[in-house]
PDB file of N, CA and C in Angstrom:
ATOM      1  N   MET A   1       0.712  -1.085  -0.103  1.00  0.00           N
ATOM      2  CA  MET A   1      -0.186   0.283   0.157  1.00  0.00           C
ATOM      3  C   MET A   1       0.872   1.157   0.150  1.00  0.00           C
ATOM      4  N   PRO A   2       1.516   1.457   1.014  1.00  0.00           N
ATOM      5  CA  PRO A   2       2.226   2.987   1.102  1.00  0.00           C
ATOM      6  C   PRO A   2       3.657   2.745   0.541  1.00  0.00           C
ATOM      7  N   LYS A   3       3.812   4.053  -0.340  1.00  0.00           N
ATOM      8  CA  LYS A   3       5.410   3.996  -1.030  1.00  0.00           C
ATOM      9  C   LYS A   3       6.021   4.850  -0.442  1.00  0.00           C
ATOM     10  N   LEU A   4       6.306   4.690   0.961  1.00  0.00           N
ATOM     11  CA  LEU A   4       7.077   5.425   1.664  1.00  0.00           C
ATOM     12  C   LEU A   4       7.842   4.903   2.878  1.00  0.00           C
ATOM     13  N   PRO A   5       9.052   4.695   2.973  1.00  0.00           N
ATOM     14  CA  PRO A   5       9.375   4.002   4.467  1.00  0.00           C
ATOM     15  C   PRO A   5       9.004   4.819   5.357  1.00  0.00           C
ATOM     16  N   GLY A   6       9.187   3.692   6.478  1.00  0.00           N
ATOM     17  CA  GLY A   6       8.684   4.339   8.100  1.00  0.00           C
ATOM     18  C   GLY A   6       9.405   5.607   8.766  1.00  0.00           C
ATOM     19  N   ILE A   7       8.578   6.567   8.978  1.00  0.00           N
ATOM     20  CA  ILE A   7       9.554   8.064   9.643  1.00  0.00           C
ATOM     21  C   ILE A   7       9.268   7.866  10.938  1.00  0.00           C
ATOM     22  N   PRO A   8      10.099   8.795  11.464  1.00  0.00           N
ATOM     23  CA  PRO A   8       9.878   9.157  12.653  1.00  0.00           C
ATOM     24  C   PRO A   8       8.382  10.113  13.212  1.00  0.00           C
ATOM     25  N   HIS A   9       8.239   9.826  14.470  1.00  0.00           N
ATOM     26  CA  HIS A   9       6.880  10.721  14.638  1.00  0.00           C
ATOM     27  C   HIS A   9       7.137  12.108  14.480  1.00  0.00           C
ATOM     28  N   LYS A  10       8.383  13.041  15.050  1.00  0.00           N
ATOM     29  CA  LYS A  10       8.633  13.991  14.766  1.00  0.00           C
ATOM     30  C   LYS A  10       8.653  14.560  13.781  1.00  0.00           C
ATOM     31  N   ARG A  11       9.023  13.866  12.375  1.00  0.00           N
ATOM     32  CA  ARG A  11       9.014  14.333  11.338  1.00  0.00           C
ATOM     33  C   ARG A  11       7.607  14.693  10.375  1.00  0.00           C
ATOM     34  N   ALA A  12       6.992  13.170  10.645  1.00  0.00           N
ATOM     35  CA  ALA A  12       5.303  13.323  10.488  1.00  0.00           C
ATOM     36  C   ALA A  12       4.467  14.504  11.091  1.00  0.00           C
ATOM     37  N   ILE A  13       4.675  14.812  12.338  1.00  0.00           N
ATOM     38  CA  ILE A  13       4.065  16.046  13.353  1.00  0.00           C
ATOM     39  C   ILE A  13       4.400  17.522  12.352  1.00  0.00           C
ATOM     40  N   LYS A  14       5.748  17.577  12.125  1.00  0.00           N
ATOM     41  CA  LYS A  14       6.319  18.859  11.410  1.00  0.00           C
ATOM     42  C   LYS A  14       5.430  18.759   9.961  1.00  0.00           C
ATOM     43  N   ALA A  15       5.617  17.439   8.726  1.00  0.00           N
ATOM     44  CA  ALA A  15       4.709  17.423   7.879  1.00  0.00           C
ATOM     45  C   ALA A  15       3.038  17.959   7.870  1.00  0.00           C
ATOM     46  N   PHE A  16       2.439  17.338   9.107  1.00  0.00           N
ATOM     47  CA  PHE A  16       1.080  17.340   9.054  1.00  0.00           C
ATOM     48  C   PHE A  16       0.719  19.008   9.392  1.00  0.00           C
ATOM     49  N   LYS A  17       1.854  19.772   9.969  1.00  0.00           N
ATOM     50  CA  LYS A  17       1.767  21.068  10.491  1.00  0.00           C
ATOM     51  C   LYS A  17       1.577  22.060   9.216  1.00  0.00           C
ATOM     52  N   LYS A  18       2.388  21.744   8.281  1.00  0.00           N
ATOM     53  CA  LYS A  18       2.509  22.023   7.195  1.00  0.00           C
ATOM     54  C   LYS A  18       1.262  21.987   6.335  1.00  0.00           C
ATOM     55  N   ALA A  19       0.758  20.828   6.654  1.00  0.00           N
ATOM     56  CA  ALA A  19      -0.919  20.598   5.867  1.00  0.00           C
ATOM     57  C   ALA A  19      -2.096  21.342   6.239  1.00  0.00           C
ATOM     58  N   GLY A  20      -1.749  22.311   7.591  1.00  0.00           N
ATOM     59  CA  GLY A  20      -2.529  22.859   8.204  1.00  0.00           C
ATOM     60  C   GLY A  20      -3.395  22.036   9.571  1.00  0.00           C
ATOM     61  N   PHE A  21      -2.513  21.143   9.861  1.00  0.00           N
ATOM     62  CA  PHE A  21      -2.767  20.654  10.922  1.00  0.00           C
ATOM     63  C   PHE A  21      -2.609  20.884  12.547  1.00  0.00           C
ATOM     64  N   ARG A  22      -3.037  21.030  13.092  1.00  0.00           N
ATOM     65  CA  ARG A  22      -2.404  21.858  14.693  1.00  0.00           C
ATOM     66  C   ARG A  22      -2.422  20.714  15.675  1.00  0.00           C
ATOM     67  N   ILE A  23      -1.773  20.745  16.455  1.00  0.00           N
ATOM     68  CA  ILE A  23      -1.399  19.528  17.888  1.00  0.00           C
ATOM     69  C   ILE A  23      -2.679  19.784  18.907  1.00  0.00           C
ATOM     70  N   LEU A  24      -3.625  18.789  19.201  1.00  0.00           N
ATOM     71  CA  LEU A  24      -4.691  19.169  20.276  1.00  0.00           C
ATOM     72  C   LEU A  24      -4.189  18.519  21.532  1.00  0.00           C
ATOM     73  N   ARG A  25      -3.394  17.340  21.774  1.00  0.00           N
ATOM     74  CA  ARG A  25      -2.958  16.653  22.706  1.00  0.00           C
ATOM     75  C   ARG A  25      -1.733  15.780  22.439  1.00  0.00           C
ATOM     76  N   GLU A  26      -1.054  15.720  23.598  1.00  0.00           N
ATOM     77  CA  GLU A  26       0.106  14.897  23.395  1.00  0.00           C
ATOM     78  C   GLU A  26       0.347  13.792  24.500  1.00  0.00           C
ATOM     79  N   GLY A  27       0.616  12.563  24.331  1.00  0.00           N
ATOM     80  CA  GLY A  27       0.967  11.821  25.420  1.00  0.00           C
ATOM     81  C   GLY A  27       1.511  10.544  24.530  1.00  0.00           C
ATOM     82  N   LYS A  28       1.139   9.539  24.907  1.00  0.00           N
ATOM     83  CA  LYS A  28       1.583   8.214  24.090  1.00  0.00           C
ATOM     84  C   LYS A  28       0.959   8.235  22.555  1.00  0.00           C
ATOM     85  N   HIS A  29       0.577   9.013  22.262  1.00  0.00           N
ATOM     86  CA  HIS A  29       0.290   9.413  21.083  1.00  0.00           C
ATOM     87  C   HIS A  29      -0.131  10.952  20.830  1.00  0.00           C
ATOM     88  N   THR A  30      -0.133  11.448  19.634  1.00  0.00           N
ATOM     89  CA  THR A  30      -0.342  12.826  19.174  1.00  0.00           C
ATOM     90  C   THR A  30      -1.624  13.077  18.618  1.00  0.00           C
ATOM     91  N   THR A  31      -2.607  13.990  19.445  1.00  0.00           N
ATOM     92  CA  THR A  31      -3.662  14.162  18.484  1.00  0.00           C
ATOM     93  C   THR A  31      -3.328  15.608  17.737  1.00  0.00           C
ATOM     94  N   MET A  32      -3.988  15.464  16.296  1.00  0.00           N
ATOM     95  CA  MET A  32      -3.993  16.327  15.628  1.00  0.00           C
ATOM     96  C   MET A  32      -5.033  16.824  14.482  1.00  0.00           C
ATOM     97  N   SER A  33      -5.404  17.707  14.628  1.00  0.00           N
ATOM     98  CA  SER A  33      -6.700  18.491  13.809  1.00  0.00           C
ATOM     99  C   SER A  33      -6.674  19.704  12.873  1.00  0.00           C
ATOM    100  N   ASP A  34      -7.195  19.525  11.674  1.00  0.00           N
ATOM    101  CA  ASP A  34      -7.624  20.448  11.156  1.00  0.00           C
ATOM    102  C   ASP A  34      -8.799  21.237  10.559  1.00  0.00           C
ATOM    103  N   GLU A  35      -9.371  21.220  11.772  1.00  0.00           N
ATOM    104  CA  GLU A  35     -10.984  21.381  11.858  1.00  0.00           C
ATOM    105  C   GLU A  35     -12.218  20.782  11.392  1.00  0.00           C
ATOM    106  N   ARG A  36     -11.354  19.860  10.418  1.00  0.00           N
ATOM    107  CA  ARG A  36     -12.312  18.992   9.582  1.00  0.00           C
ATOM    108  C   ARG A  36     -12.438  17.420  10.150  1.00  0.00           C
ATOM    109  N   ARG A  37     -10.859  17.191  10.307  1.00  0.00           N
ATOM    110  CA  ARG A  37     -10.691  15.626  10.334  1.00  0.00           C
ATOM    111  C   ARG A  37      -9.525  15.538  11.677  1.00  0.00           C
ATOM    112  N   ILE A  38      -9.698  14.655  12.457  1.00  0.00           N
ATOM    113  CA  ILE A  38      -8.539  14.750  13.419  1.00  0.00           C
ATOM    114  C   ILE A  38      -8.131  13.116  13.193  1.00  0.00           C
ATOM    115  N   ILE A  39      -6.757  13.416  13.307  1.00  0.00           N
ATOM    116  CA  ILE A  39      -5.480  12.311  13.163  1.00  0.00           C
ATOM    117  C   ILE A  39      -4.758  11.761  14.401  1.00  0.00           C
ATOM    118  N   THR A  40      -4.523  10.598  14.408  1.00  0.00           N
ATOM    119  CA  THR A  40      -3.558  10.365  15.808  1.00  0.00           C
ATOM    120  C   THR A  40      -2.301   9.806  15.344  1.00  0.00           C
ATOM    121  N   ILE A  41      -1.147  10.303  16.050  1.00  0.00           N
ATOM    122  CA  ILE A  41       0.104   9.718  15.642  1.00  0.00           C
ATOM    123  C   ILE A  41       0.895   9.259  16.542  1.00  0.00           C
ATOM    124  N   PRO A  42       0.969   7.898  16.422  1.00  0.00           N
ATOM    125  CA  PRO A  42       1.814   6.858  17.586  1.00  0.00           C
ATOM    126  C   PRO A  42       3.275   7.797  17.858  1.00  0.00           C
ATOM    127  N   ARG A  43       3.830   7.917  18.872  1.00  0.00           N
ATOM    128  CA  ARG A  43       5.321   7.999  19.249  1.00  0.00           C
ATOM    129  C   ARG A  43       6.189   7.075  18.938  1.00  0.00           C
ATOM    130  N   ALA A  44       5.863   6.645  17.668  1.00  0.00           N
ATOM    131  CA  ALA A  44       7.299   5.153  17.537  1.00  0.00           C
ATOM    132  C   ALA A  44       8.121   6.198  16.675  1.00  0.00           C
ATOM    133  N   ASN A  45       9.390   5.265  16.560  1.00  0.00           N
ATOM    134  CA  ASN A  45      10.436   5.776  15.586  1.00  0.00           C
ATOM    135  C   ASN A  45      10.990   4.393  15.073  1.00  0.00           C
ATOM    136  N   PRO A  46      10.759   4.317  13.605  1.00  0.00           N
ATOM    137  CA  PRO A  46       9.955   5.000  13.192  1.00  0.00           C
ATOM    138  C   PRO A  46       8.747   4.254  13.263  1.00  0.00           C
ATOM    139  N   ILE A  47       7.425   5.319  12.463  1.00  0.00           N
ATOM    140  CA  ILE A  47       6.560   5.254  12.499  1.00  0.00           C
ATOM    141  C   ILE A  47       6.198   3.921  11.180  1.00  0.00           C
ATOM    142  N   ASN A  48       5.710   2.644  11.547  1.00  0.00           N
ATOM    143  CA  ASN A  48       5.508   1.769  10.499  1.00  0.00           C
ATOM    144  C   ASN A  48       4.653   2.309   9.509  1.00  0.00           C
ATOM    145  N   ALA A  49       5.515   1.751   8.128  1.00  0.00           N
ATOM    146  CA  ALA A  49       5.000   2.326   6.936  1.00  0.00           C
ATOM    147  C   ALA A  49       3.534   2.223   6.593  1.00  0.00           C
ATOM    148  N   TYR A  50       2.942   0.830   7.070  1.00  0.00           N
ATOM    149  CA  TYR A  50       1.350   0.965   6.554  1.00  0.00           C
ATOM    150  C   TYR A  50       0.427   1.473   7.917  1.00  0.00           C
ATOM    151  N   THR A  51       0.991   1.598   8.875  1.00  0.00           N
ATOM    152  CA  THR A  51       0.126   2.670  10.166  1.00  0.00           C
ATOM    153  C   THR A  51       0.356   4.261   9.135  1.00  0.00           C
ATOM    154  N   MET A  52       1.602   4.630   8.539  1.00  0.00           N
ATOM    155  CA  MET A  52       1.457   5.881   8.063  1.00  0.00           C
ATOM    156  C   MET A  52       0.833   6.343   7.193  1.00  0.00           C
ATOM    157  N   GLY A  53       0.692   5.402   6.070  1.00  0.00           N
ATOM    158  CA  GLY A  53      -0.316   5.439   4.853  1.00  0.00           C
ATOM    159  C   GLY A  53      -1.864   5.320   5.454  1.00  0.00           C
ATOM    160  N   GLY A  54      -2.262   4.750   6.487  1.00  0.00           N
ATOM    161  CA  GLY A  54      -3.594   5.031   6.966  1.00  0.00           C
ATOM    162  C   GLY A  54      -3.846   5.805   7.787  1.00  0.00           C
ATOM    163  N   ILE A  55      -2.639   6.674   8.137  1.00  0.00           N
ATOM    164  CA  ILE A  55      -2.880   8.311   8.802  1.00  0.00           C
ATOM    165  C   ILE A  55      -3.076   8.900   7.498  1.00  0.00           C
ATOM    166  N   ILE A  56      -1.931   9.054   6.510  1.00  0.00           N
ATOM    167  CA  ILE A  56      -1.966   9.771   5.763  1.00  0.00           C
ATOM    168  C   ILE A  56      -3.635   9.971   4.808  1.00  0.00           C
ATOM    169  N   LYS A  57      -4.193   8.926   4.672  1.00  0.00           N
ATOM    170  CA  LYS A  57      -5.475   8.434   3.985  1.00  0.00           C
ATOM    171  C   LYS A  57      -6.673   9.177   4.801  1.00  0.00           C
ATOM    172  N   ASP A  58      -6.657   8.914   6.054  1.00  0.00           N
ATOM    173  CA  ASP A  58      -7.157   9.894   7.236  1.00  0.00           C
ATOM    174  C   ASP A  58      -7.496  11.102   7.352  1.00  0.00           C
ATOM    175  N   ALA A  59      -5.861  11.917   6.888  1.00  0.00           N
ATOM    176  CA  ALA A  59      -5.744  13.279   6.779  1.00  0.00           C
ATOM    177  C   ALA A  59      -6.063  13.636   5.417  1.00  0.00           C
ATOM    178  N   GLY A  60      -6.815  12.830   4.518  1.00  0.00           N
ATOM    179  CA  GLY A  60      -7.008  13.412   3.335  1.00  0.00           C
ATOM    180  C   GLY A  60      -6.200  13.913   2.523  1.00  0.00           C
ATOM    181  N   LEU A  61      -4.991  13.307   2.432  1.00  0.00           N
ATOM    182  CA  LEU A  61      -3.747  13.545   1.839  1.00  0.00           C
ATOM    183  C   LEU A  61      -3.464  12.197   0.999  1.00  0.00           C
ATOM    184  N   THR A  62      -2.721  12.643  -0.189  1.00  0.00           N
ATOM    185  CA  THR A  62      -2.243  11.463  -1.002  1.00  0.00           C
ATOM    186  C   THR A  62      -0.980  11.364  -0.374  1.00  0.00           C
ATOM    187  N   ILE A  63      -0.180  10.080  -0.763  1.00  0.00           N
ATOM    188  CA  ILE A  63       1.166   9.857  -0.278  1.00  0.00           C
ATOM    189  C   ILE A  63       2.156  10.772  -0.978  1.00  0.00           C
ATOM    190  N   GLU A  64       1.730  11.141  -2.075  1.00  0.00           N
ATOM    191  CA  GLU A  64       2.892  12.020  -3.022  1.00  0.00           C
ATOM    192  C   GLU A  64       2.538  13.417  -2.211  1.00  0.00           C
ATOM    193  N   GLU A  65       1.571  13.878  -1.995  1.00  0.00           N
ATOM    194  CA  GLU A  65       1.211  15.335  -1.397  1.00  0.00           C
ATOM    195  C   GLU A  65       2.004  15.041   0.141  1.00  0.00           C
ATOM    196  N   PHE A  66       1.971  14.028   0.788  1.00  0.00           N
ATOM    197  CA  PHE A  66       2.678  14.088   2.030  1.00  0.00           C
ATOM    198  C   PHE A  66       4.018  14.021   1.797  1.00  0.00           C
ATOM    199  N   LYS A  67       4.603  13.328   0.962  1.00  0.00           N
ATOM    200  CA  LYS A  67       6.448  13.381   0.756  1.00  0.00           C
ATOM    201  C   LYS A  67       6.515  14.529   0.311  1.00  0.00           C
ATOM    202  N   ARG A  68       5.623  15.420  -0.482  1.00  0.00           N
ATOM    203  CA  ARG A  68       6.309  17.226  -0.594  1.00  0.00           C
ATOM    204  C   ARG A  68       6.430  17.723   0.466  1.00  0.00           C
ATOM    205  N   MET A  69       5.774  17.475   1.666  1.00  0.00           N
ATOM    206  CA  MET A  69       5.648  18.505   2.922  1.00  0.00           C
ATOM    207  C   MET A  69       6.627  17.780   3.804  1.00  0.00           C
ATOM    208  N   LEU A  70       7.273  16.614   3.229  1.00  0.00           N
ATOM    209  CA  LEU A  70       8.454  15.924   4.543  1.00  0.00           C
ATOM    210  C   LEU A  70       9.706  17.102   3.909  1.00  0.00           C
TER     211      LEU A  70
END
């Protein structure tokens, strides 16, 4: 499914911030929102590629759009 390797959670958070998401809550997972969608990012290094693909899909982005934000 995903066409990207696993990436660190901090790098994923920075990319989602560029996409307009903001942090709502941090703990074992980081919860972010763009006022329409809520996504949850696990604090794993690296985040599994399949998990990351699902999060990107939930955020309403394509993998290519997400890669450009990295």
